[in-house]
N, C-alpha and C. Protein backbone atom coordinates (compact mmCIF):
# COMPACT_ATOMS: atom_id res chain seq x y z
N UNK A 1 -24.20 -11.15 25.21
CA UNK A 1 -24.10 -11.14 23.77
C UNK A 1 -25.26 -10.35 23.18
N UNK A 2 -25.00 -9.67 22.10
CA UNK A 2 -26.05 -8.89 21.48
C UNK A 2 -27.08 -9.81 20.84
N UNK A 3 -28.33 -9.38 20.91
CA UNK A 3 -29.43 -10.25 20.49
C UNK A 3 -29.41 -10.65 19.03
N UNK A 4 -28.85 -9.83 18.16
CA UNK A 4 -28.91 -10.18 16.74
C UNK A 4 -27.98 -11.33 16.37
N UNK A 5 -27.23 -11.84 17.30
CA UNK A 5 -26.38 -12.98 17.01
C UNK A 5 -27.06 -14.30 17.28
N UNK A 6 -28.28 -14.25 17.76
CA UNK A 6 -29.07 -15.46 17.93
C UNK A 6 -30.51 -15.16 17.59
N UNK A 7 -31.33 -16.20 17.45
CA UNK A 7 -32.72 -16.01 17.05
C UNK A 7 -33.46 -15.15 18.07
N UNK A 8 -34.26 -14.23 17.55
CA UNK A 8 -35.02 -13.33 18.42
C UNK A 8 -35.97 -14.14 19.31
N UNK A 9 -36.06 -13.73 20.55
CA UNK A 9 -36.94 -14.39 21.49
C UNK A 9 -36.34 -15.65 22.12
N UNK A 10 -35.13 -16.00 21.73
CA UNK A 10 -34.48 -17.19 22.27
C UNK A 10 -33.22 -16.76 23.01
N UNK A 11 -33.14 -17.09 24.28
CA UNK A 11 -31.94 -16.78 25.04
C UNK A 11 -30.84 -17.77 24.69
N UNK A 12 -29.61 -17.41 25.00
CA UNK A 12 -28.49 -18.31 24.72
C UNK A 12 -28.44 -19.37 25.82
N UNK A 13 -28.72 -20.59 25.44
CA UNK A 13 -28.62 -21.71 26.37
C UNK A 13 -27.38 -22.53 26.05
N UNK A 14 -27.11 -22.67 24.76
CA UNK A 14 -25.92 -23.38 24.31
C UNK A 14 -25.60 -22.94 22.88
N UNK A 15 -24.60 -23.57 22.31
CA UNK A 15 -24.14 -23.18 20.97
C UNK A 15 -25.22 -23.29 19.90
N UNK A 16 -26.21 -24.15 20.11
CA UNK A 16 -27.27 -24.34 19.10
C UNK A 16 -28.16 -23.12 18.96
N UNK A 17 -28.11 -22.21 19.93
CA UNK A 17 -28.88 -20.98 19.86
C UNK A 17 -28.18 -19.88 19.06
N UNK A 18 -26.90 -20.06 18.80
CA UNK A 18 -26.13 -19.03 18.09
C UNK A 18 -26.38 -19.09 16.58
N UNK A 19 -26.69 -17.94 16.01
CA UNK A 19 -26.91 -17.86 14.56
C UNK A 19 -25.67 -18.27 13.78
N UNK A 20 -24.51 -17.90 14.28
CA UNK A 20 -23.26 -18.27 13.59
C UNK A 20 -23.15 -19.78 13.48
N UNK A 21 -23.49 -20.50 14.54
CA UNK A 21 -23.44 -21.97 14.52
C UNK A 21 -24.47 -22.53 13.53
N UNK A 22 -25.69 -21.99 13.57
CA UNK A 22 -26.75 -22.47 12.67
C UNK A 22 -26.37 -22.26 11.21
N UNK A 23 -25.85 -21.08 10.90
CA UNK A 23 -25.46 -20.78 9.51
C UNK A 23 -24.25 -21.62 9.09
N UNK A 24 -23.34 -21.86 10.02
CA UNK A 24 -22.18 -22.70 9.72
C UNK A 24 -22.61 -24.14 9.44
N UNK A 25 -23.64 -24.61 10.14
CA UNK A 25 -24.18 -25.95 9.89
C UNK A 25 -24.78 -26.01 8.48
N UNK A 26 -25.52 -24.97 8.09
CA UNK A 26 -26.09 -24.93 6.74
C UNK A 26 -24.99 -24.88 5.68
N UNK A 27 -23.94 -24.12 5.96
CA UNK A 27 -22.81 -24.05 5.04
C UNK A 27 -22.17 -25.43 4.88
N UNK A 28 -22.04 -26.16 5.98
CA UNK A 28 -21.47 -27.51 5.92
C UNK A 28 -22.30 -28.42 5.03
N UNK A 29 -23.62 -28.35 5.17
CA UNK A 29 -24.51 -29.16 4.32
C UNK A 29 -24.33 -28.79 2.86
N UNK A 30 -24.23 -27.48 2.59
CA UNK A 30 -24.05 -27.00 1.22
C UNK A 30 -22.76 -27.54 0.62
N UNK A 31 -21.67 -27.47 1.38
CA UNK A 31 -20.38 -27.94 0.87
C UNK A 31 -20.41 -29.45 0.64
N UNK A 32 -21.02 -30.19 1.54
CA UNK A 32 -21.14 -31.64 1.33
C UNK A 32 -21.92 -31.93 0.06
N UNK A 33 -22.97 -31.16 -0.18
CA UNK A 33 -23.80 -31.36 -1.37
C UNK A 33 -23.01 -31.08 -2.65
N UNK A 34 -22.29 -29.96 -2.70
CA UNK A 34 -21.58 -29.64 -3.94
C UNK A 34 -20.38 -30.53 -4.18
N UNK A 35 -19.75 -31.03 -3.11
CA UNK A 35 -18.58 -31.88 -3.31
C UNK A 35 -18.96 -33.27 -3.82
N UNK A 36 -20.23 -33.62 -3.71
CA UNK A 36 -20.68 -34.89 -4.29
C UNK A 36 -20.57 -34.87 -5.81
N UNK A 37 -20.52 -33.67 -6.38
CA UNK A 37 -20.45 -33.51 -7.83
C UNK A 37 -19.02 -33.43 -8.35
N UNK A 38 -18.05 -33.46 -7.45
CA UNK A 38 -16.65 -33.41 -7.87
C UNK A 38 -16.30 -34.67 -8.66
N UNK A 39 -15.32 -34.57 -9.56
CA UNK A 39 -14.88 -35.75 -10.32
C UNK A 39 -14.40 -36.85 -9.37
N UNK A 40 -14.70 -38.08 -9.71
CA UNK A 40 -14.35 -39.23 -8.87
C UNK A 40 -12.85 -39.28 -8.56
N UNK A 41 -12.03 -38.86 -9.51
CA UNK A 41 -10.58 -38.89 -9.33
C UNK A 41 -10.15 -37.99 -8.17
N UNK A 42 -10.86 -36.91 -7.96
CA UNK A 42 -10.48 -35.93 -6.94
C UNK A 42 -11.20 -36.15 -5.61
N UNK A 43 -11.94 -37.21 -5.51
CA UNK A 43 -12.79 -37.40 -4.34
C UNK A 43 -12.03 -37.45 -3.03
N UNK A 44 -10.86 -38.03 -3.01
CA UNK A 44 -10.22 -38.19 -1.71
C UNK A 44 -9.60 -36.89 -1.19
N UNK A 45 -8.61 -36.38 -1.88
CA UNK A 45 -7.84 -35.24 -1.37
C UNK A 45 -8.63 -33.96 -1.18
N UNK A 46 -9.12 -33.42 -2.27
CA UNK A 46 -9.78 -32.12 -2.22
C UNK A 46 -11.07 -32.18 -1.41
N UNK A 47 -11.86 -33.20 -1.64
CA UNK A 47 -13.14 -33.31 -0.93
C UNK A 47 -12.89 -33.50 0.56
N UNK A 48 -11.96 -34.35 0.89
CA UNK A 48 -11.66 -34.62 2.30
C UNK A 48 -11.21 -33.34 3.02
N UNK A 49 -10.32 -32.61 2.40
CA UNK A 49 -9.81 -31.38 3.01
C UNK A 49 -10.90 -30.32 3.14
N UNK A 50 -11.69 -30.17 2.09
CA UNK A 50 -12.77 -29.18 2.10
C UNK A 50 -13.82 -29.52 3.15
N UNK A 51 -14.22 -30.77 3.20
CA UNK A 51 -15.23 -31.18 4.18
C UNK A 51 -14.71 -31.05 5.61
N UNK A 52 -13.47 -31.41 5.81
CA UNK A 52 -12.88 -31.29 7.15
C UNK A 52 -12.86 -29.82 7.60
N UNK A 53 -12.48 -28.94 6.68
CA UNK A 53 -12.41 -27.52 7.02
C UNK A 53 -13.78 -26.93 7.31
N UNK A 54 -14.78 -27.30 6.51
CA UNK A 54 -16.11 -26.71 6.70
C UNK A 54 -16.76 -27.23 7.98
N UNK A 55 -16.52 -28.48 8.32
CA UNK A 55 -17.07 -29.04 9.56
C UNK A 55 -16.38 -28.42 10.78
N UNK A 56 -15.16 -27.97 10.60
CA UNK A 56 -14.41 -27.34 11.68
C UNK A 56 -15.07 -26.03 12.14
N UNK A 57 -15.78 -25.36 11.24
CA UNK A 57 -16.37 -24.06 11.59
C UNK A 57 -17.42 -24.21 12.70
N UNK A 58 -18.52 -24.97 12.47
CA UNK A 58 -19.49 -25.10 13.56
C UNK A 58 -18.94 -25.88 14.76
N UNK A 59 -18.01 -26.79 14.50
CA UNK A 59 -17.44 -27.58 15.60
C UNK A 59 -16.68 -26.70 16.59
N UNK A 60 -15.92 -25.75 16.09
CA UNK A 60 -15.18 -24.85 16.98
C UNK A 60 -16.10 -23.88 17.70
N UNK A 61 -17.18 -23.47 17.05
CA UNK A 61 -18.17 -22.63 17.73
C UNK A 61 -18.81 -23.44 18.86
N UNK A 62 -19.15 -24.68 18.57
CA UNK A 62 -19.80 -25.54 19.56
C UNK A 62 -18.89 -25.86 20.73
N UNK A 63 -17.62 -25.95 20.48
CA UNK A 63 -16.69 -26.30 21.55
C UNK A 63 -16.71 -25.27 22.67
N UNK A 64 -17.20 -24.09 22.38
CA UNK A 64 -17.36 -23.05 23.39
C UNK A 64 -18.22 -23.55 24.52
N UNK A 65 -19.22 -24.37 24.21
CA UNK A 65 -20.14 -24.86 25.24
C UNK A 65 -19.40 -25.63 26.33
N UNK A 66 -18.29 -26.23 25.98
CA UNK A 66 -17.51 -27.00 26.95
C UNK A 66 -16.49 -26.12 27.68
N UNK A 67 -16.38 -24.88 27.28
CA UNK A 67 -15.39 -23.97 27.88
C UNK A 67 -16.09 -22.99 28.80
N UNK A 68 -15.40 -22.59 29.82
CA UNK A 68 -16.04 -21.69 30.78
C UNK A 68 -15.67 -20.22 30.59
N UNK A 69 -14.57 -19.94 29.93
CA UNK A 69 -14.14 -18.55 29.84
C UNK A 69 -14.39 -17.96 28.46
N UNK A 70 -14.63 -16.64 28.45
CA UNK A 70 -14.82 -15.94 27.19
C UNK A 70 -13.51 -15.89 26.40
N UNK A 71 -12.39 -15.89 27.10
CA UNK A 71 -11.09 -15.89 26.43
C UNK A 71 -10.94 -17.15 25.57
N UNK A 72 -11.34 -18.29 26.13
CA UNK A 72 -11.27 -19.54 25.37
C UNK A 72 -12.25 -19.52 24.21
N UNK A 73 -13.44 -18.96 24.43
CA UNK A 73 -14.44 -18.86 23.37
C UNK A 73 -13.88 -18.02 22.22
N UNK A 74 -13.24 -16.91 22.55
CA UNK A 74 -12.63 -16.06 21.52
C UNK A 74 -11.59 -16.83 20.72
N UNK A 75 -10.81 -17.63 21.41
CA UNK A 75 -9.79 -18.44 20.73
C UNK A 75 -10.45 -19.38 19.71
N UNK A 76 -11.53 -20.04 20.10
CA UNK A 76 -12.20 -20.97 19.19
C UNK A 76 -12.91 -20.23 18.05
N UNK A 77 -13.41 -19.03 18.33
CA UNK A 77 -14.01 -18.24 17.25
C UNK A 77 -12.96 -17.84 16.22
N UNK A 78 -11.76 -17.52 16.68
CA UNK A 78 -10.68 -17.17 15.75
C UNK A 78 -10.26 -18.39 14.92
N UNK A 79 -10.27 -19.56 15.53
CA UNK A 79 -9.98 -20.79 14.77
C UNK A 79 -11.06 -20.99 13.71
N UNK A 80 -12.31 -20.73 14.07
CA UNK A 80 -13.41 -20.84 13.10
C UNK A 80 -13.22 -19.89 11.93
N UNK A 81 -12.75 -18.67 12.22
CA UNK A 81 -12.47 -17.71 11.14
C UNK A 81 -11.39 -18.23 10.21
N UNK A 82 -10.39 -18.86 10.76
CA UNK A 82 -9.34 -19.47 9.94
C UNK A 82 -9.91 -20.54 9.03
N UNK A 83 -10.83 -21.32 9.55
CA UNK A 83 -11.48 -22.37 8.75
C UNK A 83 -12.35 -21.77 7.65
N UNK A 84 -12.99 -20.64 7.93
CA UNK A 84 -13.78 -19.94 6.90
C UNK A 84 -12.87 -19.55 5.74
N UNK A 85 -11.71 -18.99 6.05
CA UNK A 85 -10.75 -18.59 5.01
C UNK A 85 -10.25 -19.80 4.23
N UNK A 86 -10.03 -20.91 4.92
CA UNK A 86 -9.58 -22.14 4.26
C UNK A 86 -10.65 -22.66 3.31
N UNK A 87 -11.90 -22.68 3.75
CA UNK A 87 -13.00 -23.14 2.90
C UNK A 87 -13.15 -22.23 1.69
N UNK A 88 -13.07 -20.92 1.91
CA UNK A 88 -13.17 -19.96 0.81
C UNK A 88 -12.11 -20.24 -0.25
N UNK A 89 -10.88 -20.43 0.18
CA UNK A 89 -9.78 -20.71 -0.74
C UNK A 89 -10.02 -22.00 -1.51
N UNK A 90 -10.44 -23.04 -0.82
CA UNK A 90 -10.67 -24.33 -1.47
C UNK A 90 -11.85 -24.29 -2.44
N UNK A 91 -12.88 -23.53 -2.10
CA UNK A 91 -14.01 -23.39 -3.03
C UNK A 91 -13.59 -22.63 -4.29
N UNK A 92 -12.81 -21.57 -4.10
CA UNK A 92 -12.32 -20.81 -5.26
C UNK A 92 -11.43 -21.67 -6.15
N UNK A 93 -10.57 -22.47 -5.53
CA UNK A 93 -9.72 -23.39 -6.30
C UNK A 93 -10.57 -24.44 -7.02
N UNK A 94 -11.59 -24.94 -6.36
CA UNK A 94 -12.48 -25.93 -6.97
C UNK A 94 -13.16 -25.36 -8.21
N UNK A 95 -13.53 -24.08 -8.12
CA UNK A 95 -14.14 -23.43 -9.28
C UNK A 95 -13.10 -23.26 -10.39
N UNK A 96 -11.90 -22.82 -10.03
CA UNK A 96 -10.82 -22.65 -11.01
C UNK A 96 -10.49 -23.96 -11.71
N UNK A 97 -10.51 -25.06 -10.96
CA UNK A 97 -10.20 -26.38 -11.53
C UNK A 97 -11.37 -26.95 -12.34
N UNK A 98 -12.52 -26.27 -12.29
CA UNK A 98 -13.68 -26.72 -13.04
C UNK A 98 -14.51 -27.79 -12.36
N UNK A 99 -14.31 -27.98 -11.06
CA UNK A 99 -15.08 -28.99 -10.33
C UNK A 99 -16.50 -28.51 -10.04
N UNK A 100 -16.65 -27.21 -9.88
CA UNK A 100 -17.98 -26.62 -9.64
C UNK A 100 -18.12 -25.38 -10.51
N UNK A 101 -19.35 -25.08 -10.88
CA UNK A 101 -19.62 -23.93 -11.74
C UNK A 101 -19.89 -22.66 -10.95
N UNK A 102 -20.59 -22.80 -9.86
CA UNK A 102 -21.05 -21.64 -9.12
C UNK A 102 -20.73 -21.83 -7.65
N UNK A 103 -20.36 -20.76 -7.03
CA UNK A 103 -20.11 -20.80 -5.59
C UNK A 103 -21.00 -19.75 -4.94
N UNK A 104 -21.71 -20.15 -3.94
CA UNK A 104 -22.54 -19.21 -3.20
C UNK A 104 -21.72 -18.65 -2.04
N UNK A 105 -20.87 -17.69 -2.37
CA UNK A 105 -19.97 -17.11 -1.38
C UNK A 105 -20.72 -16.29 -0.34
N UNK A 106 -21.96 -15.92 -0.64
CA UNK A 106 -22.73 -15.15 0.34
C UNK A 106 -22.95 -15.97 1.62
N UNK A 107 -23.08 -17.29 1.49
CA UNK A 107 -23.24 -18.15 2.67
C UNK A 107 -21.99 -18.07 3.54
N UNK A 108 -20.85 -18.11 2.90
CA UNK A 108 -19.56 -18.05 3.60
C UNK A 108 -19.37 -16.67 4.24
N UNK A 109 -19.71 -15.63 3.50
CA UNK A 109 -19.58 -14.27 4.01
C UNK A 109 -20.48 -14.02 5.21
N UNK A 110 -21.67 -14.59 5.17
CA UNK A 110 -22.60 -14.43 6.29
C UNK A 110 -22.05 -15.08 7.56
N UNK A 111 -21.50 -16.28 7.42
CA UNK A 111 -20.91 -16.97 8.57
C UNK A 111 -19.73 -16.15 9.11
N UNK A 112 -18.90 -15.64 8.21
CA UNK A 112 -17.75 -14.81 8.63
C UNK A 112 -18.23 -13.59 9.41
N UNK A 113 -19.24 -12.90 8.89
CA UNK A 113 -19.76 -11.69 9.56
C UNK A 113 -20.32 -12.02 10.95
N UNK A 114 -21.04 -13.13 11.06
CA UNK A 114 -21.61 -13.51 12.35
C UNK A 114 -20.53 -13.86 13.37
N UNK A 115 -19.50 -14.56 12.93
CA UNK A 115 -18.40 -14.89 13.84
C UNK A 115 -17.68 -13.61 14.28
N UNK A 116 -17.41 -12.72 13.32
CA UNK A 116 -16.77 -11.44 13.66
C UNK A 116 -17.63 -10.64 14.63
N UNK A 117 -18.95 -10.69 14.44
CA UNK A 117 -19.87 -10.00 15.35
C UNK A 117 -19.81 -10.57 16.76
N UNK A 118 -19.72 -11.89 16.86
CA UNK A 118 -19.58 -12.51 18.17
C UNK A 118 -18.29 -12.08 18.84
N UNK A 119 -17.21 -12.08 18.08
CA UNK A 119 -15.91 -11.67 18.62
C UNK A 119 -15.99 -10.23 19.13
N UNK A 120 -16.56 -9.37 18.31
CA UNK A 120 -16.68 -7.95 18.68
C UNK A 120 -17.54 -7.78 19.93
N UNK A 121 -18.67 -8.50 20.00
CA UNK A 121 -19.56 -8.34 21.16
C UNK A 121 -18.91 -8.83 22.44
N UNK A 122 -18.12 -9.88 22.36
CA UNK A 122 -17.42 -10.40 23.55
C UNK A 122 -16.35 -9.41 23.99
N UNK A 123 -15.62 -8.85 23.03
CA UNK A 123 -14.57 -7.88 23.37
C UNK A 123 -15.16 -6.62 23.99
N UNK A 124 -16.32 -6.19 23.50
CA UNK A 124 -16.97 -4.99 24.03
C UNK A 124 -17.44 -5.22 25.47
N UNK A 125 -17.95 -6.42 25.73
CA UNK A 125 -18.45 -6.74 27.08
C UNK A 125 -17.32 -6.81 28.10
N UNK A 126 -16.12 -7.08 27.65
CA UNK A 126 -14.98 -7.22 28.60
C UNK A 126 -14.27 -5.93 28.81
């Protein structure tokens, strides 16, 4: 894997070394924080779906650690990309519905770029 996908000076030992996983964890914390401000009436459906989707991103990256093949890792990275798109859609809807005022889409975009970079680096190596 190319070095810019993990912290400089740190070799890849497990998923916790991957920048995509670290940024996805931060994104999850951010989403949990902003969903606390959602109206009480909407707490179950929208919040539950949004939180489930955002937690799926680092979880699927981490699941690679239990897999032995790069093909399986690619599959889980693609699932993570799907979750990024789902979170993006739900955040945009939340803004449209007036549940949140501001969305820091740059966090989401950064996670997307890092996952795409991992996919590209694995495909190049094969």
